[in-house]
Amino acid sequence: MRPFDFVISFLAFIYALALAHLLLAAAHMIRHRRELIFDWAHGLWMVAALGYLWGNWISLWDVHALTTFTLTAITIGFVFSIIMYLVCALVAPRLDVEDGLNMRIFHATQGRTYIGAFVVLFAASILINYFGGTGLNVLNWMHENLVVIAMLPVAVAAFIWRTRWVQVGAPIVLLGLLVVYMVLFYSELR
C-alpha cells in the first residue's frame, strides 16, 4: 500500500460520514415532504455543502503522485477533512429534533453557524492551497486559489448580512464558482 492509499482511505471515510449526514437529512425531508416547511436559502446551502464535499474529495487526487507524506501534511489533511465534515453536519438538520419540520426556523437559528463553517472552510482552503502548492509542489492547488479566493467574500457576506436575497444568492454564486472551479481544474483526472 502506498502512502497516498493509506492516507486517502482514512480521509475518504470522514468524507463519507459527511455525505451520510447530507443524504440522511435529504431523505428525511423527502419522507416528510407533506409536513415540511421548505426554505430555499437552507436548501441551497445544503446543495452547496454537497458540491464542495464532492469538489474537495476530487481535489485529493492531485496528491496521488506523492511518494511520501509528512506528518504535517497528514495532519493538515485530517484537520481539513474535519472542517468539511462539520460544514456538512451543521447544515444537515435533524428536523424531527431541531425546530420540528421547519427549515426556515432552522436557517434563521442555525444559519450563521453553518455559514461560518463555510467561511472557515474557504479560509482554510486558501491557506492549504498555498502551502500545498509551495510545500508539496502541488501546483494545481496554487492555481485553484484564483477561484477559491472569490468564494470567501461571498460566504462572509452571507454570514454578515441576513437579508433574504443575500441568503439565497450567496449559495447560488458559490455553486456557480464551484462549477467554474471543477471545469477549470477537474474536467478530467490524470
N, C-alpha and C. Protein backbone atom coordinates (compact mmCIF):
# COMPACT_ATOMS: atom_id res chain seq x y z
N MET A 1 0.85 -1.18 0.00
CA MET A 1 0.00 0.00 0.00
C MET A 1 0.89 1.23 0.00
N ARG A 2 0.59 2.15 -0.89
CA ARG A 2 1.34 3.40 -0.96
C ARG A 2 0.85 4.37 0.12
N PRO A 3 1.67 5.34 0.50
CA PRO A 3 1.23 6.33 1.49
C PRO A 3 -0.07 7.04 1.08
N PHE A 4 -0.19 7.35 -0.23
CA PHE A 4 -1.41 8.01 -0.71
C PHE A 4 -2.64 7.15 -0.39
N ASP A 5 -2.58 5.87 -0.70
CA ASP A 5 -3.72 4.97 -0.46
C ASP A 5 -4.07 4.92 1.02
N PHE A 6 -3.06 4.85 1.85
CA PHE A 6 -3.27 4.76 3.29
C PHE A 6 -3.94 6.03 3.83
N VAL A 7 -3.40 7.18 3.46
CA VAL A 7 -3.92 8.45 3.98
C VAL A 7 -5.30 8.74 3.40
N ILE A 8 -5.46 8.56 2.11
CA ILE A 8 -6.73 8.90 1.46
C ILE A 8 -7.86 8.00 1.92
N SER A 9 -7.57 6.75 2.21
CA SER A 9 -8.65 5.86 2.67
C SER A 9 -9.24 6.36 3.99
N PHE A 10 -8.40 6.91 4.86
CA PHE A 10 -8.92 7.45 6.12
C PHE A 10 -9.70 8.74 5.88
N LEU A 11 -9.15 9.64 5.06
CA LEU A 11 -9.84 10.89 4.76
C LEU A 11 -11.16 10.62 4.04
N ALA A 12 -11.17 9.64 3.15
CA ALA A 12 -12.39 9.30 2.43
C ALA A 12 -13.48 8.81 3.39
N PHE A 13 -13.08 8.15 4.46
CA PHE A 13 -14.04 7.70 5.46
C PHE A 13 -14.72 8.91 6.11
N ILE A 14 -13.95 9.94 6.42
CA ILE A 14 -14.51 11.15 7.02
C ILE A 14 -15.45 11.84 6.02
N TYR A 15 -15.04 11.88 4.75
CA TYR A 15 -15.88 12.47 3.72
C TYR A 15 -17.18 11.68 3.56
N ALA A 16 -17.09 10.35 3.65
CA ALA A 16 -18.29 9.51 3.54
C ALA A 16 -19.25 9.78 4.69
N LEU A 17 -18.72 9.99 5.88
CA LEU A 17 -19.59 10.33 7.02
C LEU A 17 -20.28 11.67 6.79
N ALA A 18 -19.56 12.63 6.24
CA ALA A 18 -20.16 13.93 5.93
C ALA A 18 -21.28 13.78 4.91
N LEU A 19 -21.02 12.98 3.88
CA LEU A 19 -22.05 12.73 2.87
C LEU A 19 -23.27 12.05 3.50
N ALA A 20 -23.04 11.15 4.42
CA ALA A 20 -24.15 10.46 5.08
C ALA A 20 -25.05 11.44 5.81
N HIS A 21 -24.48 12.46 6.45
CA HIS A 21 -25.30 13.49 7.12
C HIS A 21 -26.22 14.17 6.11
N LEU A 22 -25.65 14.59 4.98
CA LEU A 22 -26.44 15.29 3.98
C LEU A 22 -27.53 14.40 3.39
N LEU A 23 -27.17 13.16 3.07
CA LEU A 23 -28.15 12.26 2.46
C LEU A 23 -29.25 11.87 3.44
N LEU A 24 -28.90 11.67 4.69
CA LEU A 24 -29.91 11.34 5.69
C LEU A 24 -30.89 12.49 5.88
N ALA A 25 -30.37 13.72 5.93
CA ALA A 25 -31.25 14.88 6.07
C ALA A 25 -32.16 15.02 4.84
N ALA A 26 -31.59 14.82 3.64
CA ALA A 26 -32.40 14.91 2.42
C ALA A 26 -33.48 13.83 2.39
N ALA A 27 -33.13 12.62 2.79
CA ALA A 27 -34.11 11.53 2.82
C ALA A 27 -35.22 11.84 3.81
N HIS A 28 -34.86 12.41 4.95
CA HIS A 28 -35.85 12.78 5.96
C HIS A 28 -36.80 13.85 5.40
N MET A 29 -36.22 14.81 4.67
CA MET A 29 -37.05 15.87 4.08
C MET A 29 -38.01 15.29 3.05
N ILE A 30 -37.53 14.37 2.24
CA ILE A 30 -38.39 13.74 1.23
C ILE A 30 -39.48 12.92 1.91
N ARG A 31 -39.11 12.18 2.92
CA ARG A 31 -40.08 11.33 3.62
C ARG A 31 -41.19 12.17 4.26
N HIS A 32 -40.84 13.32 4.79
CA HIS A 32 -41.81 14.17 5.50
C HIS A 32 -42.17 15.41 4.68
N ARG A 33 -42.13 15.29 3.36
CA ARG A 33 -42.34 16.43 2.47
C ARG A 33 -43.71 17.09 2.65
N ARG A 34 -44.69 16.35 3.08
CA ARG A 34 -46.03 16.94 3.23
C ARG A 34 -46.13 17.85 4.46
N GLU A 35 -45.31 17.59 5.45
CA GLU A 35 -45.32 18.42 6.66
C GLU A 35 -44.18 19.43 6.68
N LEU A 36 -43.22 19.25 5.81
CA LEU A 36 -42.01 20.07 5.80
C LEU A 36 -42.32 21.49 5.34
N ILE A 37 -41.78 22.45 6.05
CA ILE A 37 -41.82 23.85 5.60
C ILE A 37 -40.45 24.11 4.97
N PHE A 38 -40.43 24.12 3.63
CA PHE A 38 -39.18 24.22 2.89
C PHE A 38 -38.67 25.65 2.88
N ASP A 39 -37.35 25.78 2.85
CA ASP A 39 -36.72 27.09 2.76
C ASP A 39 -35.64 27.03 1.69
N TRP A 40 -35.77 27.86 0.68
CA TRP A 40 -34.80 27.85 -0.41
C TRP A 40 -33.40 28.20 0.06
N ALA A 41 -33.27 29.14 0.96
CA ALA A 41 -31.93 29.52 1.44
C ALA A 41 -31.24 28.31 2.05
N HIS A 42 -31.91 27.65 2.96
CA HIS A 42 -31.30 26.50 3.60
C HIS A 42 -31.05 25.37 2.61
N GLY A 43 -32.01 25.10 1.74
CA GLY A 43 -31.84 24.05 0.74
C GLY A 43 -30.65 24.30 -0.16
N LEU A 44 -30.45 25.54 -0.57
CA LEU A 44 -29.30 25.87 -1.42
C LEU A 44 -27.98 25.73 -0.67
N TRP A 45 -27.96 26.07 0.61
CA TRP A 45 -26.74 25.86 1.40
C TRP A 45 -26.44 24.37 1.54
N MET A 46 -27.47 23.54 1.64
CA MET A 46 -27.23 22.10 1.68
C MET A 46 -26.63 21.60 0.37
N VAL A 47 -27.16 22.09 -0.75
CA VAL A 47 -26.63 21.70 -2.06
C VAL A 47 -25.18 22.19 -2.19
N ALA A 48 -24.91 23.40 -1.71
CA ALA A 48 -23.53 23.93 -1.75
C ALA A 48 -22.59 23.04 -0.93
N ALA A 49 -23.04 22.61 0.23
CA ALA A 49 -22.20 21.72 1.06
C ALA A 49 -21.91 20.42 0.31
N LEU A 50 -22.92 19.86 -0.33
CA LEU A 50 -22.73 18.65 -1.12
C LEU A 50 -21.73 18.88 -2.25
N GLY A 51 -21.87 20.00 -2.95
CA GLY A 51 -20.97 20.32 -4.05
C GLY A 51 -19.54 20.49 -3.59
N TYR A 52 -19.34 21.19 -2.50
CA TYR A 52 -17.98 21.41 -2.01
C TYR A 52 -17.37 20.14 -1.43
N LEU A 53 -18.18 19.29 -0.85
CA LEU A 53 -17.69 18.00 -0.39
C LEU A 53 -17.16 17.21 -1.58
N TRP A 54 -17.94 17.16 -2.64
CA TRP A 54 -17.56 16.46 -3.86
C TRP A 54 -16.30 17.06 -4.47
N GLY A 55 -16.27 18.39 -4.60
CA GLY A 55 -15.12 19.07 -5.19
C GLY A 55 -13.84 18.87 -4.39
N ASN A 56 -13.93 18.96 -3.08
CA ASN A 56 -12.74 18.77 -2.25
C ASN A 56 -12.26 17.32 -2.30
N TRP A 57 -13.19 16.39 -2.35
CA TRP A 57 -12.80 14.98 -2.46
C TRP A 57 -12.04 14.76 -3.77
N ILE A 58 -12.57 15.27 -4.87
CA ILE A 58 -11.89 15.10 -6.16
C ILE A 58 -10.52 15.76 -6.15
N SER A 59 -10.39 16.89 -5.47
CA SER A 59 -9.09 17.60 -5.45
C SER A 59 -8.01 16.80 -4.74
N LEU A 60 -8.39 15.82 -3.93
CA LEU A 60 -7.38 14.99 -3.27
C LEU A 60 -6.58 14.16 -4.27
N TRP A 61 -7.11 13.99 -5.47
CA TRP A 61 -6.40 13.24 -6.50
C TRP A 61 -5.06 13.91 -6.84
N ASP A 62 -4.98 15.21 -6.66
CA ASP A 62 -3.77 15.94 -7.03
C ASP A 62 -2.54 15.48 -6.26
N VAL A 63 -2.71 14.80 -5.15
CA VAL A 63 -1.56 14.34 -4.37
C VAL A 63 -1.26 12.86 -4.60
N HIS A 64 -1.91 12.26 -5.59
CA HIS A 64 -1.72 10.82 -5.81
C HIS A 64 -0.31 10.44 -6.23
N ALA A 65 0.42 11.37 -6.81
CA ALA A 65 1.78 11.05 -7.28
C ALA A 65 2.83 11.21 -6.17
N LEU A 66 2.45 11.79 -5.05
CA LEU A 66 3.43 11.96 -3.96
C LEU A 66 3.83 10.60 -3.42
N THR A 67 5.11 10.43 -3.18
CA THR A 67 5.61 9.15 -2.67
C THR A 67 5.77 9.16 -1.16
N THR A 68 5.81 10.35 -0.58
CA THR A 68 5.90 10.46 0.88
C THR A 68 4.92 11.54 1.35
N PHE A 69 4.43 11.34 2.55
CA PHE A 69 3.56 12.31 3.21
C PHE A 69 4.17 12.61 4.57
N THR A 70 4.42 13.88 4.84
CA THR A 70 4.94 14.26 6.14
C THR A 70 3.80 14.24 7.17
N LEU A 71 4.17 14.18 8.42
CA LEU A 71 3.17 14.24 9.47
C LEU A 71 2.39 15.55 9.39
N THR A 72 3.06 16.63 9.02
CA THR A 72 2.38 17.92 8.87
C THR A 72 1.31 17.85 7.78
N ALA A 73 1.66 17.28 6.63
CA ALA A 73 0.70 17.18 5.53
C ALA A 73 -0.48 16.29 5.92
N ILE A 74 -0.21 15.20 6.60
CA ILE A 74 -1.28 14.30 7.04
C ILE A 74 -2.20 15.01 8.04
N THR A 75 -1.60 15.74 8.97
CA THR A 75 -2.37 16.47 9.98
C THR A 75 -3.24 17.54 9.33
N ILE A 76 -2.67 18.28 8.38
CA ILE A 76 -3.44 19.32 7.69
C ILE A 76 -4.61 18.70 6.94
N GLY A 77 -4.37 17.59 6.25
CA GLY A 77 -5.45 16.90 5.56
C GLY A 77 -6.53 16.42 6.51
N PHE A 78 -6.11 15.92 7.66
CA PHE A 78 -7.05 15.44 8.67
C PHE A 78 -7.90 16.59 9.21
N VAL A 79 -7.25 17.70 9.56
CA VAL A 79 -7.98 18.86 10.08
C VAL A 79 -8.93 19.41 9.03
N PHE A 80 -8.47 19.48 7.79
CA PHE A 80 -9.34 19.99 6.72
C PHE A 80 -10.55 19.09 6.53
N SER A 81 -10.36 17.78 6.57
CA SER A 81 -11.49 16.87 6.41
C SER A 81 -12.49 17.02 7.56
N ILE A 82 -12.00 17.35 8.74
CA ILE A 82 -12.89 17.61 9.87
C ILE A 82 -13.71 18.88 9.62
N ILE A 83 -13.06 19.92 9.09
CA ILE A 83 -13.80 21.15 8.76
C ILE A 83 -14.88 20.85 7.73
N MET A 84 -14.54 20.07 6.70
CA MET A 84 -15.51 19.71 5.67
C MET A 84 -16.66 18.91 6.27
N TYR A 85 -16.32 18.00 7.18
CA TYR A 85 -17.35 17.21 7.87
C TYR A 85 -18.29 18.14 8.65
N LEU A 86 -17.73 19.09 9.38
CA LEU A 86 -18.55 20.00 10.18
C LEU A 86 -19.47 20.85 9.33
N VAL A 87 -18.98 21.31 8.16
CA VAL A 87 -19.86 22.05 7.25
C VAL A 87 -21.09 21.21 6.93
N CYS A 88 -20.86 19.96 6.56
CA CYS A 88 -21.98 19.08 6.17
C CYS A 88 -22.87 18.72 7.35
N ALA A 89 -22.28 18.43 8.48
CA ALA A 89 -23.06 18.06 9.66
C ALA A 89 -23.88 19.23 10.19
N LEU A 90 -23.31 20.43 10.14
CA LEU A 90 -24.03 21.60 10.67
C LEU A 90 -25.16 22.05 9.75
N VAL A 91 -25.01 21.89 8.44
CA VAL A 91 -26.05 22.32 7.51
C VAL A 91 -27.16 21.28 7.38
N ALA A 92 -26.91 20.05 7.80
CA ALA A 92 -27.89 18.97 7.69
C ALA A 92 -28.71 18.89 8.97
N PRO A 93 -29.95 19.37 8.94
CA PRO A 93 -30.74 19.39 10.17
C PRO A 93 -31.32 18.03 10.53
N ARG A 94 -31.49 17.84 11.79
CA ARG A 94 -32.31 16.72 12.28
C ARG A 94 -33.67 17.33 12.55
N LEU A 95 -34.48 17.36 11.52
CA LEU A 95 -35.71 18.15 11.55
C LEU A 95 -36.73 17.69 12.58
N ASP A 96 -36.67 16.43 12.98
CA ASP A 96 -37.62 15.98 13.99
C ASP A 96 -37.23 16.48 15.38
N VAL A 97 -35.97 16.82 15.54
CA VAL A 97 -35.47 17.28 16.84
C VAL A 97 -35.33 18.79 16.87
N GLU A 98 -34.70 19.34 15.84
CA GLU A 98 -34.41 20.77 15.80
C GLU A 98 -35.49 21.48 15.00
N ASP A 99 -36.26 22.30 15.65
CA ASP A 99 -37.25 23.16 15.00
C ASP A 99 -38.32 22.40 14.24
N GLY A 100 -38.68 21.22 14.70
CA GLY A 100 -39.73 20.46 14.04
C GLY A 100 -39.38 20.16 12.60
N LEU A 101 -40.27 20.47 11.69
CA LEU A 101 -40.03 20.25 10.26
C LEU A 101 -39.98 21.59 9.52
N ASN A 102 -39.45 22.60 10.17
CA ASN A 102 -39.44 23.95 9.61
C ASN A 102 -38.00 24.35 9.25
N MET A 103 -37.70 24.27 7.96
CA MET A 103 -36.36 24.65 7.50
C MET A 103 -36.12 26.15 7.64
N ARG A 104 -37.16 26.95 7.59
CA ARG A 104 -36.98 28.41 7.75
C ARG A 104 -36.47 28.74 9.14
N ILE A 105 -37.07 28.10 10.14
CA ILE A 105 -36.61 28.34 11.51
C ILE A 105 -35.19 27.81 11.68
N PHE A 106 -34.91 26.65 11.09
CA PHE A 106 -33.56 26.10 11.19
C PHE A 106 -32.54 27.05 10.59
N HIS A 107 -32.86 27.60 9.41
CA HIS A 107 -31.92 28.54 8.79
C HIS A 107 -31.78 29.81 9.63
N ALA A 108 -32.89 30.29 10.16
CA ALA A 108 -32.84 31.51 10.97
C ALA A 108 -32.02 31.32 12.25
N THR A 109 -32.12 30.15 12.86
CA THR A 109 -31.41 29.93 14.13
C THR A 109 -30.02 29.34 13.96
N GLN A 110 -29.80 28.56 12.90
CA GLN A 110 -28.51 27.88 12.73
C GLN A 110 -27.71 28.37 11.53
N GLY A 111 -28.29 29.25 10.73
CA GLY A 111 -27.64 29.70 9.51
C GLY A 111 -26.24 30.27 9.73
N ARG A 112 -26.10 31.14 10.72
CA ARG A 112 -24.77 31.72 10.98
C ARG A 112 -23.75 30.65 11.33
N THR A 113 -24.19 29.62 11.99
CA THR A 113 -23.27 28.55 12.38
C THR A 113 -22.73 27.83 11.16
N TYR A 114 -23.62 27.37 10.28
CA TYR A 114 -23.10 26.63 9.13
C TYR A 114 -22.49 27.54 8.07
N ILE A 115 -22.97 28.77 7.95
CA ILE A 115 -22.31 29.69 7.02
C ILE A 115 -20.93 30.05 7.56
N GLY A 116 -20.81 30.21 8.87
CA GLY A 116 -19.50 30.43 9.49
C GLY A 116 -18.55 29.27 9.21
N ALA A 117 -19.09 28.05 9.21
CA ALA A 117 -18.26 26.88 8.88
C ALA A 117 -17.78 26.95 7.43
N PHE A 118 -18.62 27.45 6.52
CA PHE A 118 -18.19 27.67 5.14
C PHE A 118 -17.05 28.69 5.08
N VAL A 119 -17.17 29.77 5.85
CA VAL A 119 -16.11 30.79 5.89
C VAL A 119 -14.79 30.15 6.32
N VAL A 120 -14.84 29.36 7.38
CA VAL A 120 -13.63 28.66 7.86
C VAL A 120 -13.11 27.72 6.79
N LEU A 121 -14.00 27.00 6.11
CA LEU A 121 -13.61 26.07 5.04
C LEU A 121 -12.86 26.80 3.93
N PHE A 122 -13.40 27.93 3.47
CA PHE A 122 -12.76 28.65 2.37
C PHE A 122 -11.44 29.28 2.81
N ALA A 123 -11.39 29.83 4.03
CA ALA A 123 -10.14 30.39 4.52
C ALA A 123 -9.07 29.30 4.65
N ALA A 124 -9.46 28.16 5.19
CA ALA A 124 -8.51 27.04 5.30
C ALA A 124 -8.08 26.55 3.93
N SER A 125 -9.01 26.52 2.98
CA SER A 125 -8.68 26.09 1.61
C SER A 125 -7.62 26.99 0.99
N ILE A 126 -7.76 28.28 1.19
CA ILE A 126 -6.79 29.23 0.63
C ILE A 126 -5.40 28.95 1.21
N LEU A 127 -5.33 28.78 2.52
CA LEU A 127 -4.03 28.50 3.15
C LEU A 127 -3.46 27.16 2.71
N ILE A 128 -4.31 26.13 2.69
CA ILE A 128 -3.85 24.80 2.30
C ILE A 128 -3.42 24.78 0.84
N ASN A 129 -4.17 25.46 -0.02
CA ASN A 129 -3.78 25.52 -1.43
C ASN A 129 -2.44 26.21 -1.60
N TYR A 130 -2.23 27.27 -0.83
CA TYR A 130 -0.95 27.98 -0.92
C TYR A 130 0.20 27.09 -0.44
N PHE A 131 0.05 26.53 0.74
CA PHE A 131 1.14 25.71 1.28
C PHE A 131 1.28 24.38 0.55
N GLY A 132 0.18 23.85 0.03
CA GLY A 132 0.26 22.65 -0.79
C GLY A 132 1.01 22.91 -2.08
N GLY A 133 0.80 24.09 -2.64
CA GLY A 133 1.50 24.45 -3.86
C GLY A 133 2.96 24.73 -3.65
N THR A 134 3.28 25.38 -2.54
CA THR A 134 4.68 25.72 -2.29
C THR A 134 5.43 24.60 -1.57
N GLY A 135 4.80 23.95 -0.61
CA GLY A 135 5.49 22.94 0.18
C GLY A 135 5.45 21.54 -0.41
N LEU A 136 4.32 21.18 -1.00
CA LEU A 136 4.18 19.83 -1.57
C LEU A 136 4.36 19.83 -3.09
N ASN A 137 4.52 21.02 -3.66
CA ASN A 137 4.68 21.17 -5.10
C ASN A 137 3.44 20.68 -5.86
N VAL A 138 2.27 20.87 -5.28
CA VAL A 138 1.01 20.55 -5.96
C VAL A 138 0.54 21.86 -6.59
N LEU A 139 1.11 22.15 -7.76
CA LEU A 139 0.90 23.45 -8.40
C LEU A 139 -0.55 23.72 -8.73
N ASN A 140 -1.32 22.68 -9.01
CA ASN A 140 -2.74 22.86 -9.31
C ASN A 140 -3.44 23.58 -8.17
N TRP A 141 -3.06 23.27 -6.93
CA TRP A 141 -3.70 23.90 -5.78
C TRP A 141 -3.41 25.39 -5.72
N MET A 142 -2.21 25.78 -6.11
CA MET A 142 -1.88 27.21 -6.14
C MET A 142 -2.80 27.94 -7.12
N HIS A 143 -3.01 27.36 -8.28
CA HIS A 143 -3.85 27.98 -9.30
C HIS A 143 -5.32 27.99 -8.87
N GLU A 144 -5.73 27.00 -8.10
CA GLU A 144 -7.12 26.93 -7.63
C GLU A 144 -7.49 28.13 -6.77
N ASN A 145 -6.50 28.71 -6.11
CA ASN A 145 -6.78 29.86 -5.26
C ASN A 145 -7.36 31.03 -6.03
N LEU A 146 -7.15 31.07 -7.34
CA LEU A 146 -7.75 32.13 -8.15
C LEU A 146 -9.27 32.11 -8.02
N VAL A 147 -9.85 30.91 -7.92
CA VAL A 147 -11.30 30.78 -7.76
C VAL A 147 -11.68 30.77 -6.28
N VAL A 148 -10.91 30.07 -5.47
CA VAL A 148 -11.26 29.91 -4.05
C VAL A 148 -11.26 31.26 -3.33
N ILE A 149 -10.35 32.14 -3.70
CA ILE A 149 -10.32 33.47 -3.07
C ILE A 149 -11.62 34.22 -3.33
N ALA A 150 -12.25 34.01 -4.47
CA ALA A 150 -13.53 34.65 -4.77
C ALA A 150 -14.66 34.08 -3.92
N MET A 151 -14.51 32.86 -3.44
CA MET A 151 -15.56 32.22 -2.64
C MET A 151 -15.66 32.81 -1.24
N LEU A 152 -14.52 33.17 -0.68
CA LEU A 152 -14.50 33.65 0.71
C LEU A 152 -15.37 34.89 0.94
N PRO A 153 -15.27 35.96 0.15
CA PRO A 153 -16.12 37.12 0.43
C PRO A 153 -17.61 36.85 0.24
N VAL A 154 -17.95 35.91 -0.62
CA VAL A 154 -19.37 35.56 -0.80
C VAL A 154 -19.91 34.95 0.49
N ALA A 155 -19.15 34.02 1.07
CA ALA A 155 -19.57 33.40 2.33
C ALA A 155 -19.57 34.41 3.48
N VAL A 156 -18.58 35.28 3.50
CA VAL A 156 -18.52 36.31 4.55
C VAL A 156 -19.73 37.23 4.44
N ALA A 157 -20.09 37.61 3.22
CA ALA A 157 -21.27 38.47 3.03
C ALA A 157 -22.53 37.81 3.57
N ALA A 158 -22.69 36.52 3.30
CA ALA A 158 -23.87 35.80 3.81
C ALA A 158 -23.83 35.67 5.32
N PHE A 159 -22.64 35.56 5.88
CA PHE A 159 -22.50 35.47 7.33
C PHE A 159 -22.90 36.80 7.99
N ILE A 160 -22.55 37.91 7.35
CA ILE A 160 -22.80 39.24 7.93
C ILE A 160 -24.22 39.72 7.66
N TRP A 161 -24.65 39.65 6.40
CA TRP A 161 -25.95 40.20 6.02
C TRP A 161 -26.99 39.10 5.96
N ARG A 162 -28.03 39.25 6.76
CA ARG A 162 -29.06 38.22 6.89
C ARG A 162 -30.26 38.48 5.96
N THR A 163 -30.16 39.47 5.08
CA THR A 163 -31.27 39.74 4.18
C THR A 163 -31.52 38.53 3.28
N ARG A 164 -32.76 38.36 2.90
CA ARG A 164 -33.18 37.16 2.17
C ARG A 164 -32.43 36.98 0.85
N TRP A 165 -32.28 38.07 0.08
CA TRP A 165 -31.64 37.93 -1.23
C TRP A 165 -30.17 37.54 -1.08
N VAL A 166 -29.50 37.94 -0.01
CA VAL A 166 -28.12 37.52 0.22
C VAL A 166 -28.08 36.05 0.62
N GLN A 167 -29.02 35.65 1.48
CA GLN A 167 -29.05 34.27 1.95
C GLN A 167 -29.36 33.27 0.83
N VAL A 168 -30.14 33.68 -0.15
CA VAL A 168 -30.44 32.81 -1.30
C VAL A 168 -29.38 32.98 -2.38
N GLY A 169 -28.95 34.21 -2.60
CA GLY A 169 -27.99 34.48 -3.68
C GLY A 169 -26.59 33.95 -3.42
N ALA A 170 -26.15 33.99 -2.17
CA ALA A 170 -24.77 33.56 -1.86
C ALA A 170 -24.52 32.09 -2.22
N PRO A 171 -25.39 31.15 -1.82
CA PRO A 171 -25.11 29.77 -2.22
C PRO A 171 -25.21 29.56 -3.73
N ILE A 172 -26.06 30.34 -4.41
CA ILE A 172 -26.13 30.23 -5.86
C ILE A 172 -24.81 30.68 -6.49
N VAL A 173 -24.27 31.80 -6.01
CA VAL A 173 -22.97 32.27 -6.51
C VAL A 173 -21.88 31.25 -6.19
N LEU A 174 -21.91 30.70 -4.98
CA LEU A 174 -20.91 29.70 -4.60
C LEU A 174 -21.00 28.46 -5.48
N LEU A 175 -22.21 28.04 -5.81
CA LEU A 175 -22.37 26.89 -6.70
C LEU A 175 -21.86 27.21 -8.10
N GLY A 176 -22.08 28.44 -8.56
CA GLY A 176 -21.53 28.86 -9.85
C GLY A 176 -20.01 28.86 -9.84
N LEU A 177 -19.41 29.35 -8.76
CA LEU A 177 -17.95 29.32 -8.64
C LEU A 177 -17.43 27.89 -8.56
N LEU A 178 -18.19 27.01 -7.93
CA LEU A 178 -17.79 25.61 -7.87
C LEU A 178 -17.77 24.99 -9.27
N VAL A 179 -18.76 25.33 -10.08
CA VAL A 179 -18.79 24.82 -11.46
C VAL A 179 -17.56 25.33 -12.21
N VAL A 180 -17.24 26.60 -12.07
CA VAL A 180 -16.03 27.15 -12.71
C VAL A 180 -14.80 26.41 -12.22
N TYR A 181 -14.69 26.22 -10.93
CA TYR A 181 -13.56 25.51 -10.31
C TYR A 181 -13.42 24.09 -10.89
N MET A 182 -14.54 23.37 -10.96
CA MET A 182 -14.49 21.99 -11.44
C MET A 182 -14.14 21.93 -12.92
N VAL A 183 -14.69 22.83 -13.73
CA VAL A 183 -14.39 22.84 -15.17
C VAL A 183 -12.94 23.21 -15.41
N LEU A 184 -12.45 24.20 -14.69
CA LEU A 184 -11.07 24.64 -14.90
C LEU A 184 -10.04 23.62 -14.45
N PHE A 185 -10.30 22.97 -13.31
CA PHE A 185 -9.25 22.16 -12.69
C PHE A 185 -9.50 20.65 -12.70
N TYR A 186 -10.74 20.23 -12.83
CA TYR A 186 -11.03 18.80 -12.72
C TYR A 186 -11.98 18.29 -13.80
N SER A 187 -11.88 18.86 -14.99
CA SER A 187 -12.74 18.35 -16.06
C SER A 187 -12.35 16.92 -16.45
N GLU A 188 -11.13 16.55 -16.12
CA GLU A 188 -10.69 15.15 -16.24
C GLU A 188 -9.53 14.91 -15.28
N LEU A 189 -9.46 13.72 -14.75
CA LEU A 189 -8.37 13.36 -13.83
C LEU A 189 -7.26 12.69 -14.62
N ARG A 190 -6.05 13.06 -14.30
CA ARG A 190 -4.89 12.46 -15.00
C ARG A 190 -3.92 11.89 -13.99
